[in-house]
Structure formats: C-alpha cells, structure tokens
C-alpha cells in the first residue's frame, strides 16, 4: 500500500480480504495484506475486520458469485494469519448476519 510505515491509528476491513488474489510469486494475497495492515498501523493501532468465512462463501447468496478458493479462510486460519502478521486479536471473534469472522486486533508492539 502506498502509505508510510506507522501512519494510521486504525484500519477497517469490511469483506475485502477474501477478494485479494495470490501474488505473482505465489504468496497468499490476503495474508500479505495483513502484513501491510500491521506495517501502516502505529504501535497499538487497531484493525477492525468483518469477513465471510470459507463456509459462508460456499453457500447462500455467495454461491452465485465467484470467489477464489485460495482467498477463502475460516476463523482459525484468520486468527493464525493475524498472529503471524504481528496483530494481536482482542477478545473473541464474533459474527454478524453476513460476516461470520468479525473482530478487533491491535498492532502487537
């Protein structure tokens, strides 16, 4: 992202990560974005997110739209990716009507 390091107090994601394709070198796109989120957050900065899980994307209204299986994830994968990116989940992951991975994380340093 074309933003300086540690430039934001908060970053918001509403159903965007699952649209990020893998990078040309094969790196997981949505996991790369989490690293960028951490990079642009100030120490202690917050990341608010709401995403549909793999299971949700494969049923209901979502099944009529194309979603790359490589960009789908579940709660456990999201939690692991957040920790791997240096983002500490605050409290349990919740859910909403369309988004079943909803939460808050903080830059962990």
PDB file of N, CA and C in Angstrom:
ATOM      1  N   UNK A   1       0.852  -1.174   0.000  1.00  0.00           N
ATOM      2  CA  UNK A   1       0.000   0.000   0.000  1.00  0.00           C
ATOM      3  C   UNK A   1       0.895   1.232   0.000  1.00  0.00           C
ATOM      4  N   UNK A   2       0.516   2.270  -0.702  1.00  0.00           N
ATOM      5  CA  UNK A   2       1.393   3.442  -0.839  1.00  0.00           C
ATOM      6  C   UNK A   2       1.298   4.410   0.343  1.00  0.00           C
ATOM      7  N   UNK A   3       1.424   3.895   1.553  1.00  0.00           N
ATOM      8  CA  UNK A   3       1.332   4.720   2.751  1.00  0.00           C
ATOM      9  C   UNK A   3       2.584   4.504   3.591  1.00  0.00           C
ATOM     10  N   UNK A   4       3.030   5.551   4.277  1.00  0.00           N
ATOM     11  CA  UNK A   4       4.226   5.399   5.118  1.00  0.00           C
ATOM     12  C   UNK A   4       3.994   4.426   6.275  1.00  0.00           C
ATOM     13  N   UNK A   5       5.073   3.829   6.751  1.00  0.00           N
ATOM     14  CA  UNK A   5       5.009   2.970   7.936  1.00  0.00           C
ATOM     15  C   UNK A   5       4.435   3.764   9.113  1.00  0.00           C
ATOM     16  N   UNK A   6       3.743   3.067   9.989  1.00  0.00           N
ATOM     17  CA  UNK A   6       3.192   3.606  11.240  1.00  0.00           C
ATOM     18  C   UNK A   6       2.449   4.936  11.045  1.00  0.00           C
ATOM     19  N   UNK A   7       1.593   5.010  10.036  1.00  0.00           N
ATOM     20  CA  UNK A   7       0.913   6.272   9.741  1.00  0.00           C
ATOM     21  C   UNK A   7      -0.557   6.315  10.153  1.00  0.00           C
ATOM     22  N   UNK A   8      -1.143   5.205  10.603  1.00  0.00           N
ATOM     23  CA  UNK A   8      -2.573   5.187  10.915  1.00  0.00           C
ATOM     24  C   UNK A   8      -2.854   4.660  12.316  1.00  0.00           C
ATOM     25  N   UNK A   9      -3.854   5.249  12.950  1.00  0.00           N
ATOM     26  CA  UNK A   9      -4.324   4.783  14.255  1.00  0.00           C
ATOM     27  C   UNK A   9      -5.230   3.569  14.108  1.00  0.00           C
ATOM     28  N   UNK A  10      -5.922   3.463  12.971  1.00  0.00           N
ATOM     29  CA  UNK A  10      -6.864   2.362  12.759  1.00  0.00           C
ATOM     30  C   UNK A  10      -6.983   2.038  11.272  1.00  0.00           C
ATOM     31  N   UNK A  11      -7.281   0.773  11.003  1.00  0.00           N
ATOM     32  CA  UNK A  11      -7.561   0.290   9.650  1.00  0.00           C
ATOM     33  C   UNK A  11      -8.842  -0.526   9.732  1.00  0.00           C
ATOM     34  N   UNK A  12      -9.725  -0.355   8.745  1.00  0.00           N
ATOM     35  CA  UNK A  12     -11.003  -1.053   8.713  1.00  0.00           C
ATOM     36  C   UNK A  12     -11.086  -1.942   7.472  1.00  0.00           C
ATOM     37  N   UNK A  13     -11.592  -3.148   7.655  1.00  0.00           N
ATOM     38  CA  UNK A  13     -11.807  -4.089   6.559  1.00  0.00           C
ATOM     39  C   UNK A  13     -13.219  -4.633   6.682  1.00  0.00           C
ATOM     40  N   UNK A  14     -14.024  -4.398   5.663  1.00  0.00           N
ATOM     41  CA  UNK A  14     -15.360  -4.986   5.608  1.00  0.00           C
ATOM     42  C   UNK A  14     -15.439  -5.776   4.300  1.00  0.00           C
ATOM     43  N   UNK A  15     -15.270  -7.081   4.429  1.00  0.00           N
ATOM     44  CA  UNK A  15     -15.417  -8.018   3.305  1.00  0.00           C
ATOM     45  C   UNK A  15     -14.512  -7.688   2.119  1.00  0.00           C
ATOM     46  N   UNK A  16     -13.245  -7.417   2.409  1.00  0.00           N
ATOM     47  CA  UNK A  16     -12.284  -7.136   1.348  1.00  0.00           C
ATOM     48  C   UNK A  16     -11.235  -8.230   1.215  1.00  0.00           C
ATOM     49  N   UNK A  17     -10.742  -8.745   2.327  1.00  0.00           N
ATOM     50  CA  UNK A  17      -9.628  -9.695   2.293  1.00  0.00           C
ATOM     51  C   UNK A  17      -9.888 -10.893   1.397  1.00  0.00           C
ATOM     52  N   UNK A  18     -11.110 -11.404   1.404  1.00  0.00           N
ATOM     53  CA  UNK A  18     -11.382 -12.622   0.618  1.00  0.00           C
ATOM     54  C   UNK A  18     -11.423 -12.367  -0.888  1.00  0.00           C
ATOM     55  N   UNK A  19     -11.216 -11.123  -1.298  1.00  0.00           N
ATOM     56  CA  UNK A  19     -11.129 -10.792  -2.725  1.00  0.00           C
ATOM     57  C   UNK A  19      -9.680 -10.625  -3.201  1.00  0.00           C
ATOM     58  N   UNK A  20      -8.720 -10.736  -2.293  1.00  0.00           N
ATOM     59  CA  UNK A  20      -7.322 -10.486  -2.642  1.00  0.00           C
ATOM     60  C   UNK A  20      -6.703 -11.761  -3.227  1.00  0.00           C
ATOM     61  N   UNK A  21      -6.338 -11.688  -4.484  1.00  0.00           N
ATOM     62  CA  UNK A  21      -5.732 -12.841  -5.172  1.00  0.00           C
ATOM     63  C   UNK A  21      -4.301 -13.049  -4.688  1.00  0.00           C
ATOM     64  N   UNK A  22      -3.819 -14.261  -4.899  1.00  0.00           N
ATOM     65  CA  UNK A  22      -2.425 -14.548  -4.567  1.00  0.00           C
ATOM     66  C   UNK A  22      -1.503 -13.681  -5.421  1.00  0.00           C
ATOM     67  N   UNK A  23      -0.351 -13.345  -4.883  1.00  0.00           N
ATOM     68  CA  UNK A  23       0.619 -12.515  -5.587  1.00  0.00           C
ATOM     69  C   UNK A  23       1.319 -13.347  -6.659  1.00  0.00           C
ATOM     70  N   UNK A  24       1.964 -12.678  -7.591  1.00  0.00           N
ATOM     71  CA  UNK A  24       2.572 -13.371  -8.729  1.00  0.00           C
ATOM     72  C   UNK A  24       3.607 -14.412  -8.306  1.00  0.00           C
ATOM     73  N   UNK A  25       4.244 -14.225  -7.178  1.00  0.00           N
ATOM     74  CA  UNK A  25       5.225 -15.197  -6.694  1.00  0.00           C
ATOM     75  C   UNK A  25       4.598 -16.355  -5.937  1.00  0.00           C
ATOM     76  N   UNK A  26       3.274 -16.377  -5.873  1.00  0.00           N
ATOM     77  CA  UNK A  26       2.583 -17.448  -5.186  1.00  0.00           C
ATOM     78  C   UNK A  26       2.251 -17.154  -3.730  1.00  0.00           C
ATOM     79  N   UNK A  27       2.701 -16.003  -3.222  1.00  0.00           N
ATOM     80  CA  UNK A  27       2.404 -15.635  -1.833  1.00  0.00           C
ATOM     81  C   UNK A  27       0.909 -15.387  -1.659  1.00  0.00           C
ATOM     82  N   UNK A  28       0.367 -15.821  -0.549  1.00  0.00           N
ATOM     83  CA  UNK A  28      -1.052 -15.646  -0.253  1.00  0.00           C
ATOM     84  C   UNK A  28      -1.381 -14.154  -0.163  1.00  0.00           C
ATOM     85  N   UNK A  29      -2.271 -13.690  -1.024  1.00  0.00           N
ATOM     86  CA  UNK A  29      -2.590 -12.272  -1.102  1.00  0.00           C
ATOM     87  C   UNK A  29      -3.204 -11.696   0.155  1.00  0.00           C
ATOM     88  N   UNK A  30      -4.213 -12.364   0.722  1.00  0.00           N
ATOM     89  CA  UNK A  30      -4.874 -11.790   1.897  1.00  0.00           C
ATOM     90  C   UNK A  30      -3.947 -11.793   3.113  1.00  0.00           C
ATOM     91  N   UNK A  31      -3.066 -12.781   3.208  1.00  0.00           N
ATOM     92  CA  UNK A  31      -2.099 -12.779   4.315  1.00  0.00           C
ATOM     93  C   UNK A  31      -1.081 -11.644   4.130  1.00  0.00           C
ATOM     94  N   UNK A  32      -0.692 -11.383   2.890  1.00  0.00           N
ATOM     95  CA  UNK A  32       0.214 -10.276   2.607  1.00  0.00           C
ATOM     96  C   UNK A  32      -0.422  -8.959   3.035  1.00  0.00           C
ATOM     97  N   UNK A  33      -1.715  -8.800   2.754  1.00  0.00           N
ATOM     98  CA  UNK A  33      -2.419  -7.574   3.135  1.00  0.00           C
ATOM     99  C   UNK A  33      -2.381  -7.387   4.653  1.00  0.00           C
ATOM    100  N   UNK A  34      -2.533  -8.458   5.416  1.00  0.00           N
ATOM    101  CA  UNK A  34      -2.468  -8.329   6.878  1.00  0.00           C
ATOM    102  C   UNK A  34      -1.106  -7.793   7.314  1.00  0.00           C
ATOM    103  N   UNK A  35      -0.051  -8.205   6.647  1.00  0.00           N
ATOM    104  CA  UNK A  35       1.273  -7.657   6.934  1.00  0.00           C
ATOM    105  C   UNK A  35       1.343  -6.166   6.625  1.00  0.00           C
ATOM    106  N   UNK A  36       0.689  -5.759   5.552  1.00  0.00           N
ATOM    107  CA  UNK A  36       0.637  -4.338   5.202  1.00  0.00           C
ATOM    108  C   UNK A  36      -0.200  -3.555   6.224  1.00  0.00           C
ATOM    109  N   UNK A  37      -1.270  -4.156   6.691  1.00  0.00           N
ATOM    110  CA  UNK A  37      -2.077  -3.509   7.737  1.00  0.00           C
ATOM    111  C   UNK A  37      -1.197  -3.241   8.952  1.00  0.00           C
ATOM    112  N   UNK A  38      -0.455  -4.253   9.385  1.00  0.00           N
ATOM    113  CA  UNK A  38       0.421  -4.070  10.540  1.00  0.00           C
ATOM    114  C   UNK A  38       1.460  -2.978  10.271  1.00  0.00           C
ATOM    115  N   UNK A  39       2.019  -2.994   9.070  1.00  0.00           N
ATOM    116  CA  UNK A  39       3.060  -2.018   8.732  1.00  0.00           C
ATOM    117  C   UNK A  39       2.557  -0.587   8.837  1.00  0.00           C
ATOM    118  N   UNK A  40       1.353  -0.314   8.361  1.00  0.00           N
ATOM    119  CA  UNK A  40       0.862   1.074   8.357  1.00  0.00           C
ATOM    120  C   UNK A  40       0.235   1.499   9.681  1.00  0.00           C
ATOM    121  N   UNK A  41      -0.056   0.538  10.568  1.00  0.00           N
ATOM    122  CA  UNK A  41      -0.604   0.901  11.875  1.00  0.00           C
ATOM    123  C   UNK A  41       0.486   1.447  12.795  1.00  0.00           C
ATOM    124  N   UNK A  42       0.132   2.445  13.576  1.00  0.00           N
ATOM    125  CA  UNK A  42       1.020   2.918  14.627  1.00  0.00           C
ATOM    126  C   UNK A  42       1.081   1.846  15.714  1.00  0.00           C
ATOM    127  N   UNK A  43       2.138   1.816  16.518  1.00  0.00           N
ATOM    128  CA  UNK A  43       2.161   0.875  17.641  1.00  0.00           C
ATOM    129  C   UNK A  43       0.883   1.034  18.482  1.00  0.00           C
ATOM    130  N   UNK A  44       0.233  -0.077  18.757  1.00  0.00           N
ATOM    131  CA  UNK A  44      -1.030  -0.050  19.493  1.00  0.00           C
ATOM    132  C   UNK A  44      -2.231   0.261  18.621  1.00  0.00           C
ATOM    133  N   UNK A  45      -2.006   0.510  17.314  1.00  0.00           N
ATOM    134  CA  UNK A  45      -3.103   0.814  16.389  1.00  0.00           C
ATOM    135  C   UNK A  45      -4.050  -0.366  16.242  1.00  0.00           C
ATOM    136  N   UNK A  46      -5.284  -0.064  15.866  1.00  0.00           N
ATOM    137  CA  UNK A  46      -6.344  -1.072  15.827  1.00  0.00           C
ATOM    138  C   UNK A  46      -6.762  -1.446  14.407  1.00  0.00           C
ATOM    139  N   UNK A  47      -7.072  -2.714  14.228  1.00  0.00           N
ATOM    140  CA  UNK A  47      -7.565  -3.249  12.963  1.00  0.00           C
ATOM    141  C   UNK A  47      -8.942  -3.855  13.225  1.00  0.00           C
ATOM    142  N   UNK A  48      -9.963  -3.251  12.633  1.00  0.00           N
ATOM    143  CA  UNK A  48     -11.341  -3.733  12.738  1.00  0.00           C
ATOM    144  C   UNK A  48     -11.647  -4.514  11.465  1.00  0.00           C
ATOM    145  N   UNK A  49     -12.200  -5.723  11.594  1.00  0.00           N
ATOM    146  CA  UNK A  49     -12.454  -6.529  10.405  1.00  0.00           C
ATOM    147  C   UNK A  49     -13.770  -7.287  10.504  1.00  0.00           C
ATOM    148  N   UNK A  50     -14.375  -7.488   9.326  1.00  0.00           N
ATOM    149  CA  UNK A  50     -15.602  -8.283   9.186  1.00  0.00           C
ATOM    150  C   UNK A  50     -15.509  -8.993   7.840  1.00  0.00           C
ATOM    151  N   UNK A  51     -15.448 -10.322   7.885  1.00  0.00           N
ATOM    152  CA  UNK A  51     -15.247 -11.136   6.685  1.00  0.00           C
ATOM    153  C   UNK A  51     -16.171 -12.345   6.676  1.00  0.00           C
ATOM    154  N   UNK A  52     -16.588 -12.786   5.504  1.00  0.00           N
ATOM    155  CA  UNK A  52     -17.300 -14.068   5.422  1.00  0.00           C
ATOM    156  C   UNK A  52     -16.276 -15.210   5.437  1.00  0.00           C
ATOM    157  N   UNK A  53     -16.622 -16.289   6.082  1.00  0.00           N
ATOM    158  CA  UNK A  53     -15.732 -17.450   6.125  1.00  0.00           C
ATOM    159  C   UNK A  53     -15.842 -18.263   4.840  1.00  0.00           C
ATOM    160  N   UNK A  54     -14.915 -19.204   4.682  1.00  0.00           N
ATOM    161  CA  UNK A  54     -14.949 -20.135   3.551  1.00  0.00           C
ATOM    162  C   UNK A  54     -16.317 -20.810   3.464  1.00  0.00           C
ATOM    163  N   UNK A  55     -16.809 -21.289   4.589  1.00  0.00           N
ATOM    164  CA  UNK A  55     -18.097 -21.998   4.610  1.00  0.00           C
ATOM    165  C   UNK A  55     -19.231 -21.096   4.112  1.00  0.00           C
ATOM    166  N   UNK A  56     -19.252 -19.844   4.569  1.00  0.00           N
ATOM    167  CA  UNK A  56     -20.299 -18.924   4.147  1.00  0.00           C
ATOM    168  C   UNK A  56     -20.205 -18.611   2.658  1.00  0.00           C
ATOM    169  N   UNK A  57     -18.991 -18.484   2.142  1.00  0.00           N
ATOM    170  CA  UNK A  57     -18.809 -18.168   0.722  1.00  0.00           C
ATOM    171  C   UNK A  57     -19.244 -19.311  -0.187  1.00  0.00           C
ATOM    172  N   UNK A  58     -19.400 -20.493   0.368  1.00  0.00           N
ATOM    173  CA  UNK A  58     -19.785 -21.649  -0.431  1.00  0.00           C
ATOM    174  C   UNK A  58     -21.260 -21.992  -0.308  1.00  0.00           C
ATOM    175  N   UNK A  59     -22.042 -21.108   0.326  1.00  0.00           N
ATOM    176  CA  UNK A  59     -23.481 -21.370   0.456  1.00  0.00           C
ATOM    177  C   UNK A  59     -24.263 -20.057   0.376  1.00  0.00           C
ATOM    178  N   UNK A  60     -25.575 -20.168   0.380  1.00  0.00           N
ATOM    179  CA  UNK A  60     -26.425 -18.979   0.357  1.00  0.00           C
ATOM    180  C   UNK A  60     -26.193 -18.118  -0.866  1.00  0.00           C
ATOM    181  N   UNK A  61     -26.415 -16.835  -0.718  1.00  0.00           N
ATOM    182  CA  UNK A  61     -26.295 -15.889  -1.838  1.00  0.00           C
ATOM    183  C   UNK A  61     -24.877 -15.842  -2.399  1.00  0.00           C
ATOM    184  N   UNK A  62     -23.885 -16.090  -1.561  1.00  0.00           N
ATOM    185  CA  UNK A  62     -22.493 -16.020  -2.002  1.00  0.00           C
ATOM    186  C   UNK A  62     -22.156 -17.072  -3.051  1.00  0.00           C
ATOM    187  N   UNK A  63     -22.846 -18.193  -3.057  1.00  0.00           N
ATOM    188  CA  UNK A  63     -22.506 -19.254  -4.015  1.00  0.00           C
ATOM    189  C   UNK A  63     -22.788 -18.843  -5.460  1.00  0.00           C
ATOM    190  N   UNK A  64     -23.539 -17.744  -5.666  1.00  0.00           N
ATOM    191  CA  UNK A  64     -23.834 -17.265  -7.014  1.00  0.00           C
ATOM    192  C   UNK A  64     -22.783 -16.293  -7.535  1.00  0.00           C
ATOM    193  N   UNK A  65     -21.800 -15.985  -6.700  1.00  0.00           N
ATOM    194  CA  UNK A  65     -20.704 -15.099  -7.109  1.00  0.00           C
ATOM    195  C   UNK A  65     -19.405 -15.880  -7.062  1.00  0.00           C
ATOM    196  N   UNK A  66     -18.465 -15.488  -7.887  1.00  0.00           N
ATOM    197  CA  UNK A  66     -17.193 -16.211  -7.952  1.00  0.00           C
ATOM    198  C   UNK A  66     -16.263 -15.726  -6.851  1.00  0.00           C
ATOM    199  N   UNK A  67     -15.731 -16.670  -6.115  1.00  0.00           N
ATOM    200  CA  UNK A  67     -14.714 -16.386  -5.109  1.00  0.00           C
ATOM    201  C   UNK A  67     -13.591 -17.396  -5.278  1.00  0.00           C
ATOM    202  N   UNK A  68     -12.376 -16.905  -5.332  1.00  0.00           N
ATOM    203  CA  UNK A  68     -11.204 -17.749  -5.494  1.00  0.00           C
ATOM    204  C   UNK A  68     -11.014 -18.600  -4.235  1.00  0.00           C
ATOM    205  N   UNK A  69     -11.006 -19.919  -4.356  1.00  0.00           N
ATOM    206  CA  UNK A  69     -10.808 -20.779  -3.187  1.00  0.00           C
ATOM    207  C   UNK A  69      -9.512 -20.480  -2.423  1.00  0.00           C
ATOM    208  N   UNK A  70      -8.489 -19.993  -3.131  1.00  0.00           N
ATOM    209  CA  UNK A  70      -7.222 -19.654  -2.479  1.00  0.00           C
ATOM    210  C   UNK A  70      -7.354 -18.455  -1.543  1.00  0.00           C
ATOM    211  N   UNK A  71      -8.378 -17.639  -1.753  1.00  0.00           N
ATOM    212  CA  UNK A  71      -8.563 -16.439  -0.927  1.00  0.00           C
ATOM    213  C   UNK A  71      -9.591 -16.646   0.177  1.00  0.00           C
ATOM    214  N   UNK A  72     -10.079 -17.866   0.329  1.00  0.00           N
ATOM    215  CA  UNK A  72     -11.058 -18.160   1.387  1.00  0.00           C
ATOM    216  C   UNK A  72     -10.341 -18.647   2.639  1.00  0.00           C
ATOM    217  N   UNK A  73     -10.956 -18.429   3.787  1.00  0.00           N
ATOM    218  CA  UNK A  73     -10.357 -18.838   5.057  1.00  0.00           C
ATOM    219  C   UNK A  73     -11.456 -19.036   6.094  1.00  0.00           C
ATOM    220  N   UNK A  74     -11.078 -19.691   7.188  1.00  0.00           N
ATOM    221  CA  UNK A  74     -12.010 -19.859   8.298  1.00  0.00           C
ATOM    222  C   UNK A  74     -11.474 -19.084   9.506  1.00  0.00           C
ATOM    223  N   UNK A  75     -12.183 -19.142  10.622  1.00  0.00           N
ATOM    224  CA  UNK A  75     -11.768 -18.384  11.813  1.00  0.00           C
ATOM    225  C   UNK A  75     -10.368 -18.758  12.283  1.00  0.00           C
ATOM    226  N   UNK A  76     -10.086 -20.048  12.309  1.00  0.00           N
ATOM    227  CA  UNK A  76      -8.771 -20.489  12.789  1.00  0.00           C
ATOM    228  C   UNK A  76      -7.657 -19.963  11.884  1.00  0.00           C
ATOM    229  N   UNK A  77      -7.854 -20.026  10.574  1.00  0.00           N
ATOM    230  CA  UNK A  77      -6.848 -19.508   9.638  1.00  0.00           C
ATOM    231  C   UNK A  77      -6.684 -18.001   9.791  1.00  0.00           C
ATOM    232  N   UNK A  78      -7.788 -17.296   9.996  1.00  0.00           N
ATOM    233  CA  UNK A  78      -7.722 -15.842  10.188  1.00  0.00           C
ATOM    234  C   UNK A  78      -6.956 -15.512  11.468  1.00  0.00           C
ATOM    235  N   UNK A  79      -7.266 -16.203  12.557  1.00  0.00           N
ATOM    236  CA  UNK A  79      -6.561 -15.967  13.823  1.00  0.00           C
ATOM    237  C   UNK A  79      -5.071 -16.224  13.677  1.00  0.00           C
ATOM    238  N   UNK A  80      -4.721 -17.323  13.019  1.00  0.00           N
ATOM    239  CA  UNK A  80      -3.320 -17.674  12.812  1.00  0.00           C
ATOM    240  C   UNK A  80      -2.622 -16.621  11.950  1.00  0.00           C
ATOM    241  N   UNK A  81      -3.289 -16.175  10.897  1.00  0.00           N
ATOM    242  CA  UNK A  81      -2.694 -15.182   9.997  1.00  0.00           C
ATOM    243  C   UNK A  81      -2.513 -13.840  10.698  1.00  0.00           C
ATOM    244  N   UNK A  82      -3.470 -13.441  11.517  1.00  0.00           N
ATOM    245  CA  UNK A  82      -3.333 -12.198  12.271  1.00  0.00           C
ATOM    246  C   UNK A  82      -2.115 -12.260  13.185  1.00  0.00           C
ATOM    247  N   UNK A  83      -1.984 -13.351  13.927  1.00  0.00           N
ATOM    248  CA  UNK A  83      -0.835 -13.511  14.823  1.00  0.00           C
ATOM    249  C   UNK A  83       0.470 -13.518  14.028  1.00  0.00           C
ATOM    250  N   UNK A  84       0.477 -14.211  12.891  1.00  0.00           N
ATOM    251  CA  UNK A  84       1.670 -14.266  12.051  1.00  0.00           C
ATOM    252  C   UNK A  84       2.077 -12.916  11.491  1.00  0.00           C
ATOM    253  N   UNK A  85       1.101 -12.037  11.337  1.00  0.00           N
ATOM    254  CA  UNK A  85       1.373 -10.692  10.819  1.00  0.00           C
ATOM    255  C   UNK A  85       1.744  -9.709  11.928  1.00  0.00           C
ATOM    256  N   UNK A  86       1.709 -10.168  13.181  1.00  0.00           N
ATOM    257  CA  UNK A  86       2.021  -9.264  14.293  1.00  0.00           C
ATOM    258  C   UNK A  86       0.825  -8.477  14.770  1.00  0.00           C
ATOM    259  N   UNK A  87      -0.361  -9.036  14.568  1.00  0.00           N
ATOM    260  CA  UNK A  87      -1.596  -8.396  15.030  1.00  0.00           C
ATOM    261  C   UNK A  87      -2.228  -9.285  16.102  1.00  0.00           C
ATOM    262  N   UNK A  88      -2.443  -8.718  17.277  1.00  0.00           N
ATOM    263  CA  UNK A  88      -2.970  -9.456  18.417  1.00  0.00           C
ATOM    264  C   UNK A  88      -4.493  -9.299  18.484  1.00  0.00           C
ATOM    265  N   UNK A  89      -5.218 -10.411  18.407  1.00  0.00           N
ATOM    266  CA  UNK A  89      -6.680 -10.364  18.474  1.00  0.00           C
ATOM    267  C   UNK A  89      -7.096  -9.954  19.877  1.00  0.00           C
ATOM    268  N   UNK A  90      -8.021  -9.012  19.959  1.00  0.00           N
ATOM    269  CA  UNK A  90      -8.550  -8.539  21.228  1.00  0.00           C
ATOM    270  C   UNK A  90      -9.934  -9.154  21.402  1.00  0.00           C
ATOM    271  N   UNK A  91     -10.072 -10.021  22.375  1.00  0.00           N
ATOM    272  CA  UNK A  91     -11.357 -10.666  22.625  1.00  0.00           C
ATOM    273  C   UNK A  91     -11.665 -11.743  21.615  1.00  0.00           C
ATOM    274  N   UNK A  92     -12.800 -12.389  21.776  1.00  0.00           N
ATOM    275  CA  UNK A  92     -13.174 -13.473  20.851  1.00  0.00           C
ATOM    276  C   UNK A  92     -13.646 -12.915  19.506  1.00  0.00           C
ATOM    277  N   UNK A  93     -13.503 -13.731  18.464  1.00  0.00           N
ATOM    278  CA  UNK A  93     -14.048 -13.351  17.165  1.00  0.00           C
ATOM    279  C   UNK A  93     -15.552 -13.539  17.218  1.00  0.00           C
ATOM    280  N   UNK A  94     -16.295 -12.572  16.710  1.00  0.00           N
ATOM    281  CA  UNK A  94     -17.747 -12.644  16.715  1.00  0.00           C
ATOM    282  C   UNK A  94     -18.289 -12.885  15.325  1.00  0.00           C
ATOM    283  N   UNK A  95     -19.582 -12.636  15.164  1.00  0.00           N
ATOM    284  CA  UNK A  95     -20.217 -12.770  13.856  1.00  0.00           C
ATOM    285  C   UNK A  95     -21.365 -11.791  13.738  1.00  0.00           C
ATOM    286  N   UNK A  96     -21.750 -11.531  12.499  1.00  0.00           N
ATOM    287  CA  UNK A  96     -22.886 -10.674  12.171  1.00  0.00           C
ATOM    288  C   UNK A  96     -23.695 -11.410  11.105  1.00  0.00           C
ATOM    289  N   UNK A  97     -24.753 -10.799  10.625  1.00  0.00           N
ATOM    290  CA  UNK A  97     -25.636 -11.501   9.692  1.00  0.00           C
ATOM    291  C   UNK A  97     -24.930 -11.996   8.427  1.00  0.00           C
ATOM    292  N   UNK A  98     -24.100 -11.200   7.786  1.00  0.00           N
ATOM    293  CA  UNK A  98     -23.408 -11.634   6.570  1.00  0.00           C
ATOM    294  C   UNK A  98     -21.951 -12.007   6.801  1.00  0.00           C
ATOM    295  N   UNK A  99     -21.384 -11.539   7.867  1.00  0.00           N
ATOM    296  CA  UNK A  99     -19.956 -11.738   8.109  1.00  0.00           C
ATOM    297  C   UNK A  99     -19.801 -12.591   9.364  1.00  0.00           C
ATOM    298  N   UNK A 100     -19.174 -13.743   9.220  1.00  0.00           N
ATOM    299  CA  UNK A 100     -19.054 -14.610  10.387  1.00  0.00           C
ATOM    300  C   UNK A 100     -17.648 -14.653  10.978  1.00  0.00           C
ATOM    301  N   UNK A 101     -16.792 -13.745  10.530  1.00  0.00           N
ATOM    302  CA  UNK A 101     -15.491 -13.540  11.175  1.00  0.00           C
ATOM    303  C   UNK A 101     -15.376 -12.035  11.427  1.00  0.00           C
ATOM    304  N   UNK A 102     -15.741 -11.621  12.604  1.00  0.00           N
ATOM    305  CA  UNK A 102     -15.761 -10.202  12.956  1.00  0.00           C
ATOM    306  C   UNK A 102     -14.908 -10.007  14.205  1.00  0.00           C
ATOM    307  N   UNK A 103     -14.037  -9.014  14.172  1.00  0.00           N
ATOM    308  CA  UNK A 103     -13.215  -8.814  15.347  1.00  0.00           C
ATOM    309  C   UNK A 103     -12.377  -7.556  15.321  1.00  0.00           C
ATOM    310  N   UNK A 104     -11.516  -7.502  16.306  1.00  0.00           N
ATOM    311  CA  UNK A 104     -10.640  -6.363  16.528  1.00  0.00           C
ATOM    312  C   UNK A 104      -9.257  -6.907  16.883  1.00  0.00           C
ATOM    313  N   UNK A 105      -8.246  -6.338  16.271  1.00  0.00           N
ATOM    314  CA  UNK A 105      -6.871  -6.723  16.584  1.00  0.00           C
ATOM    315  C   UNK A 105      -6.051  -5.451  16.756  1.00  0.00           C
ATOM    316  N   UNK A 106      -4.930  -5.607  17.455  1.00  0.00           N
ATOM    317  CA  UNK A 106      -4.064  -4.460  17.722  1.00  0.00           C
ATOM    318  C   UNK A 106      -2.651  -4.798  17.253  1.00  0.00           C
ATOM    319  N   UNK A 107      -1.959  -3.786  16.768  1.00  0.00           N
ATOM    320  CA  UNK A 107      -0.552  -3.981  16.401  1.00  0.00           C
ATOM    321  C   UNK A 107       0.202  -4.359  17.668  1.00  0.00           C
ATOM    322  N   UNK A 108       0.826  -5.506  17.644  1.00  0.00           N
ATOM    323  CA  UNK A 108       1.409  -6.089  18.846  1.00  0.00           C
ATOM    324  C   UNK A 108       2.871  -5.693  19.021  1.00  0.00           C
ATOM    325  N   UNK A 109       3.128  -4.412  19.295  1.00  0.00           N
ATOM    326  CA  UNK A 109       4.471  -3.993  19.690  1.00  0.00           C
ATOM    327  C   UNK A 109       4.465  -2.643  20.314  1.00  0.00           C
TER     328      UNK A 109
END
